[in-house]
Protein backbone atom coordinates (compact mmCIF):
# COMPACT_ATOMS: atom_id res chain seq x y z
CA MET A 1 12.86 155.95 199.76
CA THR A 2 12.24 152.79 197.72
CA SER A 3 10.36 149.70 198.71
CA ALA A 4 11.82 146.20 198.64
CA GLY A 5 9.72 145.48 195.54
CA ASP A 6 11.20 148.53 193.77
CA ALA A 7 14.69 147.35 194.64
CA LEU A 8 13.96 143.87 193.23
CA ARG A 9 12.54 145.36 190.01
CA LEU A 10 15.60 147.58 189.62
CA ARG A 11 17.93 144.57 190.06
CA ALA A 12 15.91 142.63 187.47
CA VAL A 13 16.12 145.48 184.97
CA ARG A 14 19.87 145.82 185.55
CA GLY A 15 20.24 142.05 185.04
CA LEU A 16 18.56 142.33 181.64
CA ALA A 17 20.50 145.39 180.53
CA TRP A 18 23.81 143.67 179.76
CA PRO A 19 22.38 140.98 177.46
CA LEU A 20 20.36 143.64 175.62
CA ILE A 21 23.43 145.84 175.22
CA ALA A 22 25.41 142.83 173.98
CA LEU A 23 22.71 141.96 171.44
CA ALA A 24 22.51 145.55 170.27
CA GLY A 25 26.24 145.52 169.66
CA CYS A 26 25.96 142.46 167.44
CA SER A 27 24.35 144.28 164.57
CA GLY A 28 27.43 144.46 162.32
CA ALA A 29 25.68 142.53 159.53
CA ALA A 30 22.52 143.64 157.83
CA ALA A 31 19.43 142.09 159.37
CA ALA A 32 18.14 139.15 157.33
CA GLU A 33 14.53 139.81 156.45
CA THR A 34 13.98 136.44 154.74
CA PRO A 35 15.21 132.87 155.21
CA GLU A 36 17.09 133.23 151.92
CA GLN A 37 18.99 136.24 153.25
CA ALA A 38 19.62 134.43 156.53
CA PHE A 39 21.07 131.44 154.70
CA ALA A 40 23.33 133.68 152.60
CA THR A 41 24.51 135.54 155.72
CA PHE A 42 25.20 132.35 157.63
CA ALA A 43 26.94 130.68 154.66
CA ALA A 44 29.22 133.69 154.14
CA ALA A 45 30.07 133.87 157.85
CA ALA A 46 30.76 130.13 158.05
CA ARG A 47 33.25 130.37 155.16
CA GLU A 48 35.32 133.03 156.95
CA PRO A 49 38.38 131.60 158.75
CA GLU A 50 37.57 133.33 162.04
CA LEU A 51 33.83 132.47 161.96
CA ARG A 52 33.05 135.59 164.03
CA GLY A 53 29.98 136.49 161.95
CA THR A 54 28.32 133.15 162.69
CA PHE A 55 27.14 134.40 166.07
CA GLU A 56 25.41 137.35 164.43
CA ALA A 57 23.86 134.95 161.92
CA LEU A 58 22.07 133.02 164.68
CA ASP A 59 18.39 133.53 165.39
CA LEU A 60 17.55 135.74 168.37
CA GLN A 61 16.68 132.90 170.75
CA SER A 62 19.99 131.16 170.04
CA ARG A 63 22.00 134.37 170.47
CA TRP A 64 20.21 135.08 173.74
CA ALA A 65 20.98 131.54 174.96
CA VAL A 66 24.70 131.95 174.12
CA ILE A 67 24.80 135.23 176.03
CA SER A 68 23.10 133.64 179.05
CA ILE A 69 25.37 130.56 179.02
CA ARG A 70 28.53 132.66 178.76
CA ARG A 71 27.42 135.00 181.54
CA ALA A 72 26.62 132.07 183.88
CA GLU A 73 29.90 130.30 183.07
CA ARG A 74 31.94 133.47 183.63
CA GLU A 75 30.28 133.91 187.01
CA MET A 76 30.93 130.25 187.89
CA HIS A 77 34.58 130.64 186.89
CA ALA A 78 34.94 133.70 189.15
CA LEU A 79 33.21 132.01 192.10
CA VAL A 80 35.31 128.86 191.76
CA ARG A 81 38.53 130.89 191.49
CA ALA A 82 37.64 132.92 194.57
CA HIS A 83 36.23 130.27 196.90
CA TYR A 84 36.97 126.66 195.93
CA PRO A 85 39.80 124.71 197.59
CA SER A 86 42.95 124.10 195.58
CA GLY A 87 42.27 120.63 194.12
CA ALA A 88 38.73 121.32 193.03
CA ARG A 89 39.51 124.88 191.92
CA GLU A 90 41.70 123.99 188.94
CA ARG A 91 39.40 121.22 187.70
CA GLU A 92 36.27 123.35 187.91
CA MET A 93 37.90 126.48 186.49
CA ALA A 94 38.95 124.47 183.42
CA ARG A 95 35.28 123.65 182.75
CA TYR A 96 34.48 127.34 182.35
CA SER A 97 37.72 128.59 180.85
CA ASP A 98 36.25 129.30 177.37
CA ALA A 99 33.76 131.70 178.92
CA ALA A 100 36.44 133.33 181.07
CA LYS A 101 38.77 133.78 178.08
CA SER A 102 36.10 135.16 175.74
CA ASP A 103 35.75 138.92 175.82
CA GLU A 104 32.39 138.79 174.03
CA PRO A 105 29.61 136.30 173.24
CA ALA A 106 30.71 135.90 169.59
CA ALA A 107 34.20 134.78 170.65
CA TYR A 108 32.70 132.34 173.16
CA PHE A 109 30.33 130.92 170.54
CA VAL A 110 33.18 130.34 168.08
CA ARG A 111 35.32 128.67 170.78
CA GLN A 112 32.49 126.30 171.62
CA TYR A 113 31.09 125.52 168.16
CA ARG A 114 33.94 125.99 165.64
CA SER A 115 34.11 122.33 164.61
CA ARG A 116 30.33 122.02 164.23
CA ILE A 117 30.18 125.06 161.94
CA GLU A 118 33.22 123.97 159.94
CA GLU A 119 31.52 120.60 159.32
CA LEU A 120 28.64 122.46 157.65
CA ARG A 121 30.84 124.33 155.15
CA PRO A 122 30.52 121.78 152.31
CA ALA A 123 26.72 122.02 152.52
CA LEU A 124 26.66 125.81 152.27
CA SER A 125 27.26 126.18 148.55
CA GLY A 126 24.83 126.26 145.67
CA THR A 127 21.29 127.51 145.54
CA PRO A 128 19.15 126.06 148.31
CA ARG A 129 15.43 125.32 148.30
CA ILE A 130 13.46 126.97 151.10
CA GLU A 131 10.49 125.32 152.80
CA ARG A 132 8.71 127.78 155.04
CA GLY A 133 7.01 126.47 158.12
CA SER A 134 3.25 126.78 158.48
CA ASP A 135 3.82 128.99 161.53
CA GLY A 136 5.51 131.66 159.37
CA ARG A 137 8.33 131.84 161.95
CA SER A 138 10.47 128.92 160.80
CA ALA A 139 11.96 127.62 157.59
CA MET A 140 13.97 124.61 156.49
CA VAL A 141 16.72 125.25 154.00
CA LEU A 142 17.42 122.26 151.78
CA THR A 143 20.88 122.51 150.23
CA PRO A 144 21.92 120.93 146.91
CA SER A 145 24.08 118.47 148.89
CA GLY A 146 20.99 117.22 150.75
CA SER A 147 21.57 118.95 154.08
CA ARG A 148 18.68 120.42 156.01
CA LEU A 149 19.33 123.61 157.95
CA ALA A 150 16.78 125.16 160.30
CA PHE A 151 16.19 128.93 160.31
CA ALA A 152 13.81 131.00 162.41
CA ILE A 153 12.66 134.57 162.79
CA GLY A 154 13.02 136.17 166.19
CA ASP A 155 10.95 138.77 167.97
CA ASP A 156 13.48 141.26 166.62
CA GLY A 157 12.19 140.60 163.07
CA ARG A 158 15.49 139.03 161.96
CA TRP A 159 15.85 135.59 160.45
CA GLY A 160 18.79 133.51 161.62
CA TRP A 161 20.23 130.02 161.74
CA ALA A 162 18.44 127.98 164.40
CA GLY A 163 20.33 124.71 163.98
CA LEU A 164 21.66 124.76 167.54
CA ARG A 165 18.65 126.35 169.23
CA ASP A 166 17.43 123.30 171.17
CA GLU A 167 20.95 122.42 172.31
CA LEU A 168 21.65 125.99 173.37
CA GLU A 169 18.37 126.26 175.24
CA ALA A 170 19.17 123.04 177.13
CA ARG A 171 22.66 124.35 177.96
CA LYS A 172 21.17 127.63 179.14
CA ILE A 173 18.95 125.78 181.62
CA TRP A 174 21.83 123.54 182.71
CA SER A 175 24.10 126.57 183.21
CA ALA A 176 21.50 128.38 185.32
CA ASN A 177 21.12 125.30 187.55
CA ALA A 178 24.88 124.79 187.73
CA LEU A 179 25.37 128.42 188.72
CA GLU A 180 22.98 127.96 191.62
CA THR A 181 24.95 124.88 192.73
CA VAL A 182 28.27 126.74 192.45
CA HIS A 183 26.83 129.59 194.54
CA GLU A 184 25.82 127.09 197.22
CA SER A 185 29.22 125.35 197.13
CA SER A 186 31.02 128.69 197.28
CA SER A 187 29.03 129.61 200.38
CA ARG A 188 30.00 126.35 202.07
CA TYR A 189 33.70 126.79 201.19
CA ARG A 190 33.68 130.32 202.62
CA ARG A 191 32.61 129.07 206.05
């Protein structure tokens, strides 16, 4: 027999398992051990037509945020589809369609950020200059074209592109709050 606290801990662990499994499956590219390697990995991935490797080239915090956003948006899409009335259903489902159509976080990331990454392509050639942050966990890559690209090392020991980190973190918080609202609305529509 388990206590209510044990049941809550088990649910929390299960909730963390999927993002960890998804992150573990993203290790197709060699882990960047330096900002220089991270820049090279990101630049190569950004030049590919499909851009799929750009997700793997993100820093850990950014990848985690993408996974969280996608998971929340997929859940919102399902709740809206199941419980919202006809007029609102189509409008709200369209907001979360990229998440619903994406079979993995990398595909979702590319759907959402393709144009932003493609805009960076011209800046990703040549030999960059690296300025490491005083914290030892961040670096600014200065490209020959004058662009500044942020990179960071995650708790996983990998360096990655952190240029969207603040935006992704803000979206993660927004998505969590929106999911709570959609849950509440779904409950009202079910009555």
